[in-house]
Amino acid sequence: MAIVAPSILSADFGRLAQEVDEVVRLGAEWVHVDVMDGRFVPNLTIGPVVVSAVRDAVAGRAKIDVHLMMVEPERYVGAFREAGADSLTVHVEAVPHLHRVIGEIKATGAEAGVALNPGTPPELLDYVLEELDLVLVMSVNPGWGAQPLIDSAFRKLAALRETIERRKLPALLEVDGGVKPDNAGRFTDAGAQVLVAGSGVFKAADRAAAIRRLREA
C-alpha cells in the first residue's frame, strides 16, 4: 500500500492538534509539514514551534516529514530535528553544497531527503542518490496548496523509479502537489510510494475514505 502523508498546510490551524490526531487515527502513517521562508517560495508558513506541536499530537504514532522550502536550510536543521522532525527534505535548487547538507541532516539522526521542483531534471541527484532516504518530486510549483498538478511529474517519477531500482538504492519516492484519491493511482503507477495530500485529505468530506483510497492506490 502507498504511504499517506497528509500535509498540514491544508489543516485548520485553530485546532491543529485535533486535526493531526484525527488523520493519524484514520490511518495516515506520516504527517507532512511544509516550511516556507518567503524567499525560496513566495509564501511564509511555520517554524520549529509548530513542528513541536505536531510531535506532541502525533505522540510517536506517525513519522513527521518536514519539507524545508527555504534558502540556507542548513541553519535550521538542528532546530527542526530537536522539535521532532523524523525526516528533513531540502531543495536541490536552494542548496549549493548539497552533499554537505545531506550529511548534516543524517548527523542529527534524521532521515535525509531532497526535493525537485517541476522544472528541475532528476539527473541533478545523480551523485547524491546513494545518500538519500527520500526523493520528493514536486508536481506543482511550491509555495501554495490546492494547485492543479503538472503532468510532467509522472515522467519524472517513472525516470527516478527506474534509476533507483536499477541501482538498487533504498530511497523512497515521494510526490507532493495535486494528489487526490481520484488520481492517486496514476502517481503510484509512475513509481511514487509516498503520497503527500493536503486538501485531498483535510478538505475531504469523508477523511477516512480519502485516506483509505490513497493507501489502496
C-alpha atoms as a PDB file:
ATOM      1  CA  MET A   1       0.000   0.000   0.000  1.00  0.00           C
ATOM      2  CA  ALA A   2       1.030   3.603  -0.536  1.00  0.00           C
ATOM      3  CA  ILE A   3       2.211   5.626   2.444  1.00  0.00           C
ATOM      4  CA  VAL A   4      -0.167   8.537   3.061  1.00  0.00           C
ATOM      5  CA  ALA A   5       1.323  11.813   4.317  1.00  0.00           C
ATOM      6  CA  PRO A   6      -1.387  14.447   4.887  1.00  0.00           C
ATOM      7  CA  SER A   7       0.044  17.966   4.597  1.00  0.00           C
ATOM      8  CA  ILE A   8      -0.939  20.198   7.477  1.00  0.00           C
ATOM      9  CA  LEU A   9      -0.816  23.182   5.112  1.00  0.00           C
ATOM     10  CA  SER A  10      -4.498  22.429   4.424  1.00  0.00           C
ATOM     11  CA  ALA A  11      -5.449  21.744   8.048  1.00  0.00           C
ATOM     12  CA  ASP A  12      -7.362  24.049  10.369  1.00  0.00           C
ATOM     13  CA  PHE A  13      -4.539  25.651  12.364  1.00  0.00           C
ATOM     14  CA  GLY A  14      -7.016  26.785  15.006  1.00  0.00           C
ATOM     15  CA  ARG A  15      -7.390  23.133  16.013  1.00  0.00           C
ATOM     16  CA  LEU A  16      -4.155  21.702  14.664  1.00  0.00           C
ATOM     17  CA  ALA A  17      -3.623  19.105  17.388  1.00  0.00           C
ATOM     18  CA  GLN A  18      -7.090  17.636  16.809  1.00  0.00           C
ATOM     19  CA  GLU A  19      -6.610  17.689  13.031  1.00  0.00           C
ATOM     20  CA  VAL A  20      -3.304  15.819  13.225  1.00  0.00           C
ATOM     21  CA  ASP A  21      -4.634  13.338  15.764  1.00  0.00           C
ATOM     22  CA  GLU A  22      -7.626  12.588  13.556  1.00  0.00           C
ATOM     23  CA  VAL A  23      -5.724  11.822  10.352  1.00  0.00           C
ATOM     24  CA  VAL A  24      -3.264   9.611  12.245  1.00  0.00           C
ATOM     25  CA  ARG A  25      -6.137   7.711  13.879  1.00  0.00           C
ATOM     26  CA  LEU A  26      -7.660   7.278  10.417  1.00  0.00           C
ATOM     27  CA  GLY A  27      -4.540   5.582   9.067  1.00  0.00           C
ATOM     28  CA  ALA A  28      -2.033   8.206   7.937  1.00  0.00           C
ATOM     29  CA  GLU A  29       1.469   6.832   8.530  1.00  0.00           C
ATOM     30  CA  TRP A  30       3.270  10.167   8.015  1.00  0.00           C
ATOM     31  CA  VAL A  31       2.386  13.810   8.719  1.00  0.00           C
ATOM     32  CA  HIS A  32       3.857  16.246   6.185  1.00  0.00           C
ATOM     33  CA  VAL A  33       4.932  19.702   7.376  1.00  0.00           C
ATOM     34  CA  ASP A  34       5.610  22.388   4.746  1.00  0.00           C
ATOM     35  CA  VAL A  35       8.076  25.037   5.923  1.00  0.00           C
ATOM     36  CA  MET A  36       8.268  28.112   3.644  1.00  0.00           C
ATOM     37  CA  ASP A  37      10.525  31.094   4.193  1.00  0.00           C
ATOM     38  CA  GLY A  38       9.021  33.762   1.909  1.00  0.00           C
ATOM     39  CA  ARG A  39      12.283  33.817  -0.092  1.00  0.00           C
ATOM     40  CA  PHE A  40      12.742  30.494  -1.841  1.00  0.00           C
ATOM     41  CA  VAL A  41       8.965  30.407  -2.321  1.00  0.00           C
ATOM     42  CA  PRO A  42       6.538  33.350  -2.173  1.00  0.00           C
ATOM     43  CA  ASN A  43       4.692  32.115   0.902  1.00  0.00           C
ATOM     44  CA  LEU A  44       5.612  32.254   4.591  1.00  0.00           C
ATOM     45  CA  THR A  45       4.419  29.463   6.868  1.00  0.00           C
ATOM     46  CA  ILE A  46       5.728  27.879  10.041  1.00  0.00           C
ATOM     47  CA  GLY A  47       8.775  27.141  12.165  1.00  0.00           C
ATOM     48  CA  PRO A  48      10.043  24.615  14.705  1.00  0.00           C
ATOM     49  CA  VAL A  49       7.441  25.544  17.330  1.00  0.00           C
ATOM     50  CA  VAL A  50       4.664  24.169  15.107  1.00  0.00           C
ATOM     51  CA  VAL A  51       6.670  21.012  14.466  1.00  0.00           C
ATOM     52  CA  SER A  52       6.846  20.592  18.250  1.00  0.00           C
ATOM     53  CA  ALA A  53       3.061  20.871  18.425  1.00  0.00           C
ATOM     54  CA  VAL A  54       2.696  18.263  15.680  1.00  0.00           C
ATOM     55  CA  ARG A  55       5.129  15.984  17.545  1.00  0.00           C
ATOM     56  CA  ASP A  56       3.009  16.230  20.690  1.00  0.00           C
ATOM     57  CA  ALA A  57      -0.179  15.500  18.735  1.00  0.00           C
ATOM     58  CA  VAL A  58       1.380  12.549  16.905  1.00  0.00           C
ATOM     59  CA  ALA A  59       2.822  11.103  20.133  1.00  0.00           C
ATOM     60  CA  GLY A  60       5.057   8.675  18.269  1.00  0.00           C
ATOM     61  CA  ARG A  61       2.288   7.150  16.148  1.00  0.00           C
ATOM     62  CA  ALA A  62       3.441   8.555  12.791  1.00  0.00           C
ATOM     63  CA  LYS A  63       6.549   9.905  11.097  1.00  0.00           C
ATOM     64  CA  ILE A  64       6.907  13.700  10.997  1.00  0.00           C
ATOM     65  CA  ASP A  65       8.060  14.530   7.480  1.00  0.00           C
ATOM     66  CA  VAL A  66       9.395  18.106   7.293  1.00  0.00           C
ATOM     67  CA  HIS A  67       9.823  19.754   3.879  1.00  0.00           C
ATOM     68  CA  LEU A  68      12.140  22.777   4.039  1.00  0.00           C
ATOM     69  CA  MET A  69      11.223  25.107   1.177  1.00  0.00           C
ATOM     70  CA  MET A  70      13.827  27.676   2.126  1.00  0.00           C
ATOM     71  CA  VAL A  71      17.249  29.071   1.410  1.00  0.00           C
ATOM     72  CA  GLU A  72      20.054  28.155   3.798  1.00  0.00           C
ATOM     73  CA  PRO A  73      18.131  25.240   5.333  1.00  0.00           C
ATOM     74  CA  GLU A  74      21.336  24.029   6.976  1.00  0.00           C
ATOM     75  CA  ARG A  75      20.961  26.855   9.514  1.00  0.00           C
ATOM     76  CA  TYR A  76      17.780  25.258  10.864  1.00  0.00           C
ATOM     77  CA  VAL A  77      18.373  21.518  10.535  1.00  0.00           C
ATOM     78  CA  GLY A  78      19.222  21.118  14.216  1.00  0.00           C
ATOM     79  CA  ALA A  79      16.252  23.177  15.400  1.00  0.00           C
ATOM     80  CA  PHE A  80      13.734  21.220  13.322  1.00  0.00           C
ATOM     81  CA  ARG A  81      15.239  17.896  14.349  1.00  0.00           C
ATOM     82  CA  GLU A  82      15.100  18.899  18.013  1.00  0.00           C
ATOM     83  CA  ALA A  83      11.486  19.987  17.518  1.00  0.00           C
ATOM     84  CA  GLY A  84      10.545  16.495  16.361  1.00  0.00           C
ATOM     85  CA  ALA A  85      11.275  16.075  12.657  1.00  0.00           C
ATOM     86  CA  ASP A  86      11.911  12.445  11.706  1.00  0.00           C
ATOM     87  CA  SER A  87      12.861  13.314   8.134  1.00  0.00           C
ATOM     88  CA  LEU A  88      14.130  16.581   6.669  1.00  0.00           C
ATOM     89  CA  THR A  89      13.908  17.335   2.960  1.00  0.00           C
ATOM     90  CA  VAL A  90      15.755  20.227   1.312  1.00  0.00           C
ATOM     91  CA  HIS A  91      15.563  21.550  -2.239  1.00  0.00           C
ATOM     92  CA  VAL A  92      18.363  20.886  -4.692  1.00  0.00           C
ATOM     93  CA  GLU A  93      17.674  24.340  -6.182  1.00  0.00           C
ATOM     94  CA  ALA A  94      18.297  26.067  -2.818  1.00  0.00           C
ATOM     95  CA  VAL A  95      21.427  24.295  -1.601  1.00  0.00           C
ATOM     96  CA  PRO A  96      24.792  24.873  -3.334  1.00  0.00           C
ATOM     97  CA  HIS A  97      26.594  22.306  -1.146  1.00  0.00           C
ATOM     98  CA  LEU A  98      24.020  19.539  -1.276  1.00  0.00           C
ATOM     99  CA  HIS A  99      26.212  16.610  -0.232  1.00  0.00           C
ATOM    100  CA  ARG A 100      27.346  18.501   2.877  1.00  0.00           C
ATOM    101  CA  VAL A 101      23.796  19.366   3.932  1.00  0.00           C
ATOM    102  CA  ILE A 102      22.629  15.776   3.451  1.00  0.00           C
ATOM    103  CA  GLY A 103      25.431  14.730   5.792  1.00  0.00           C
ATOM    104  CA  GLU A 104      24.438  17.365   8.339  1.00  0.00           C
ATOM    105  CA  ILE A 105      20.853  16.078   8.326  1.00  0.00           C
ATOM    106  CA  LYS A 106      21.967  12.485   8.810  1.00  0.00           C
ATOM    107  CA  ALA A 107      24.321  13.507  11.609  1.00  0.00           C
ATOM    108  CA  THR A 108      21.284  14.614  13.643  1.00  0.00           C
ATOM    109  CA  GLY A 109      19.743  11.151  13.310  1.00  0.00           C
ATOM    110  CA  ALA A 110      17.016  12.307  10.906  1.00  0.00           C
ATOM    111  CA  GLU A 111      16.362  10.771   7.515  1.00  0.00           C
ATOM    112  CA  ALA A 112      17.557  12.929   4.605  1.00  0.00           C
ATOM    113  CA  GLY A 113      15.524  13.851   1.553  1.00  0.00           C
ATOM    114  CA  VAL A 114      15.954  16.083  -1.461  1.00  0.00           C
ATOM    115  CA  ALA A 115      13.100  17.736  -3.368  1.00  0.00           C
ATOM    116  CA  LEU A 116      12.896  18.628  -7.057  1.00  0.00           C
ATOM    117  CA  ASN A 117      10.808  21.489  -8.447  1.00  0.00           C
ATOM    118  CA  PRO A 118       8.720  20.757 -11.568  1.00  0.00           C
ATOM    119  CA  GLY A 119      11.313  22.305 -13.891  1.00  0.00           C
ATOM    120  CA  THR A 120      14.320  20.571 -12.314  1.00  0.00           C
ATOM    121  CA  PRO A 121      15.715  17.464 -14.053  1.00  0.00           C
ATOM    122  CA  PRO A 122      16.204  14.343 -11.932  1.00  0.00           C
ATOM    123  CA  GLU A 123      19.785  13.977 -13.202  1.00  0.00           C
ATOM    124  CA  LEU A 124      20.851  16.649 -10.698  1.00  0.00           C
ATOM    125  CA  LEU A 125      20.568  13.988  -7.987  1.00  0.00           C
ATOM    126  CA  ASP A 126      22.848  11.518  -9.740  1.00  0.00           C
ATOM    127  CA  TYR A 127      25.825  11.971  -7.399  1.00  0.00           C
ATOM    128  CA  VAL A 128      23.897  12.043  -4.120  1.00  0.00           C
ATOM    129  CA  LEU A 129      21.177   9.476  -4.748  1.00  0.00           C
ATOM    130  CA  GLU A 130      23.032   6.790  -2.761  1.00  0.00           C
ATOM    131  CA  GLU A 131      22.993   9.067   0.292  1.00  0.00           C
ATOM    132  CA  LEU A 132      19.251   9.708   0.326  1.00  0.00           C
ATOM    133  CA  ASP A 133      16.415   8.144   2.280  1.00  0.00           C
ATOM    134  CA  LEU A 134      13.814  10.078   0.300  1.00  0.00           C
ATOM    135  CA  VAL A 135      13.350  11.839  -3.041  1.00  0.00           C
ATOM    136  CA  LEU A 136      10.432  14.272  -3.222  1.00  0.00           C
ATOM    137  CA  VAL A 137       9.033  15.140  -6.651  1.00  0.00           C
ATOM    138  CA  MET A 138       7.002  18.344  -6.712  1.00  0.00           C
ATOM    139  CA  SER A 139       4.046  18.016  -9.062  1.00  0.00           C
ATOM    140  CA  VAL A 140       3.141  21.688  -8.537  1.00  0.00           C
ATOM    141  CA  ASN A 141       5.313  24.761  -8.175  1.00  0.00           C
ATOM    142  CA  PRO A 142       5.965  25.038  -4.436  1.00  0.00           C
ATOM    143  CA  GLY A 143       4.502  27.847  -2.380  1.00  0.00           C
ATOM    144  CA  TRP A 144       0.758  27.270  -2.167  1.00  0.00           C
ATOM    145  CA  GLY A 145      -1.629  24.410  -1.579  1.00  0.00           C
ATOM    146  CA  ALA A 146      -4.538  23.295  -3.775  1.00  0.00           C
ATOM    147  CA  GLN A 147      -2.794  23.914  -7.115  1.00  0.00           C
ATOM    148  CA  PRO A 148      -3.523  21.842 -10.237  1.00  0.00           C
ATOM    149  CA  LEU A 149      -0.880  19.216 -10.855  1.00  0.00           C
ATOM    150  CA  ILE A 150       1.731  19.394 -13.620  1.00  0.00           C
ATOM    151  CA  ASP A 151       1.595  16.269 -15.789  1.00  0.00           C
ATOM    152  CA  SER A 152       5.341  16.112 -16.458  1.00  0.00           C
ATOM    153  CA  ALA A 153       5.717  14.895 -12.850  1.00  0.00           C
ATOM    154  CA  PHE A 154       4.612  11.431 -13.965  1.00  0.00           C
ATOM    155  CA  ARG A 155       7.532  11.134 -16.401  1.00  0.00           C
ATOM    156  CA  LYS A 156       9.937  12.337 -13.718  1.00  0.00           C
ATOM    157  CA  LEU A 157       8.620   9.829 -11.191  1.00  0.00           C
ATOM    158  CA  ALA A 158       8.975   7.000 -13.698  1.00  0.00           C
ATOM    159  CA  ALA A 159      12.537   8.016 -14.563  1.00  0.00           C
ATOM    160  CA  LEU A 160      13.541   8.195 -10.902  1.00  0.00           C
ATOM    161  CA  ARG A 161      11.887   4.875 -10.082  1.00  0.00           C
ATOM    162  CA  GLU A 162      13.803   3.195 -12.917  1.00  0.00           C
ATOM    163  CA  THR A 163      17.093   4.687 -11.696  1.00  0.00           C
ATOM    164  CA  ILE A 164      16.508   3.796  -8.046  1.00  0.00           C
ATOM    165  CA  GLU A 165      15.576   0.207  -8.888  1.00  0.00           C
ATOM    166  CA  ARG A 166      18.379  -0.264 -11.423  1.00  0.00           C
ATOM    167  CA  ARG A 167      20.955   0.954  -8.914  1.00  0.00           C
ATOM    168  CA  LYS A 168      19.289  -0.989  -6.071  1.00  0.00           C
ATOM    169  CA  LEU A 169      19.043   2.072  -3.846  1.00  0.00           C
ATOM    170  CA  PRO A 170      16.898   2.374  -0.691  1.00  0.00           C
ATOM    171  CA  ALA A 171      15.435   5.855  -1.282  1.00  0.00           C
ATOM    172  CA  LEU A 172      11.663   6.156  -1.102  1.00  0.00           C
ATOM    173  CA  LEU A 173       9.962   8.134  -3.853  1.00  0.00           C
ATOM    174  CA  GLU A 174       7.509  10.774  -2.614  1.00  0.00           C
ATOM    175  CA  VAL A 175       5.219  13.107  -4.570  1.00  0.00           C
ATOM    176  CA  ASP A 176       3.607  16.361  -3.465  1.00  0.00           C
ATOM    177  CA  GLY A 177       1.096  18.508  -5.311  1.00  0.00           C
ATOM    178  CA  GLY A 178      -2.403  17.934  -6.638  1.00  0.00           C
ATOM    179  CA  VAL A 179      -2.630  14.428  -5.158  1.00  0.00           C
ATOM    180  CA  LYS A 180      -6.239  13.297  -4.709  1.00  0.00           C
ATOM    181  CA  PRO A 181      -7.911   9.933  -4.175  1.00  0.00           C
ATOM    182  CA  ASP A 182      -9.148  10.069  -7.776  1.00  0.00           C
ATOM    183  CA  ASN A 183      -5.679  10.391  -9.323  1.00  0.00           C
ATOM    184  CA  ALA A 184      -3.514   8.622  -6.726  1.00  0.00           C
ATOM    185  CA  GLY A 185      -3.274   5.505  -8.892  1.00  0.00           C
ATOM    186  CA  ARG A 186      -1.522   7.485 -11.632  1.00  0.00           C
ATOM    187  CA  PHE A 187       1.168   8.533  -9.161  1.00  0.00           C
ATOM    188  CA  THR A 188       1.730   5.048  -7.780  1.00  0.00           C
ATOM    189  CA  ASP A 189       1.739   3.554 -11.284  1.00  0.00           C
ATOM    190  CA  ALA A 190       4.532   6.023 -12.120  1.00  0.00           C
ATOM    191  CA  GLY A 191       6.524   4.863  -9.095  1.00  0.00           C
ATOM    192  CA  ALA A 192       5.521   7.006  -6.132  1.00  0.00           C
ATOM    193  CA  GLN A 193       5.488   5.232  -2.768  1.00  0.00           C
ATOM    194  CA  VAL A 194       4.619   8.183  -0.508  1.00  0.00           C
ATOM    195  CA  LEU A 195       1.645  10.408  -1.347  1.00  0.00           C
ATOM    196  CA  VAL A 196       1.506  13.897   0.153  1.00  0.00           C
ATOM    197  CA  ALA A 197      -2.076  15.144   0.113  1.00  0.00           C
ATOM    198  CA  GLY A 198      -3.240  18.380   1.704  1.00  0.00           C
ATOM    199  CA  SER A 199      -6.696  19.367   0.506  1.00  0.00           C
ATOM    200  CA  GLY A 200      -7.139  15.791  -0.741  1.00  0.00           C
ATOM    201  CA  VAL A 201      -7.354  14.711   2.911  1.00  0.00           C
ATOM    202  CA  PHE A 202      -8.125  17.704   5.106  1.00  0.00           C
ATOM    203  CA  LYS A 203     -10.795  19.150   2.790  1.00  0.00           C
ATOM    204  CA  ALA A 204     -12.412  15.790   2.066  1.00  0.00           C
ATOM    205  CA  ALA A 205     -16.000  15.286   3.221  1.00  0.00           C
ATOM    206  CA  ASP A 206     -15.003  11.804   4.398  1.00  0.00           C
ATOM    207  CA  ARG A 207     -11.395  11.842   5.545  1.00  0.00           C
ATOM    208  CA  ALA A 208     -11.365   8.160   6.438  1.00  0.00           C
ATOM    209  CA  ALA A 209     -12.439   7.220   2.913  1.00  0.00           C
ATOM    210  CA  ALA A 210      -9.922   9.606   1.365  1.00  0.00           C
ATOM    211  CA  ILE A 211      -7.019   8.131   3.337  1.00  0.00           C
ATOM    212  CA  ARG A 212      -8.173   4.588   2.580  1.00  0.00           C
ATOM    213  CA  ARG A 213      -8.394   5.281  -1.160  1.00  0.00           C
ATOM    214  CA  LEU A 214      -4.956   6.909  -1.163  1.00  0.00           C
ATOM    215  CA  ARG A 215      -3.416   3.963   0.693  1.00  0.00           C
ATOM    216  CA  GLU A 216      -5.016   1.490  -1.697  1.00  0.00           C
ATOM    217  CA  ALA A 217      -3.770   3.334  -4.788  1.00  0.00           C
END
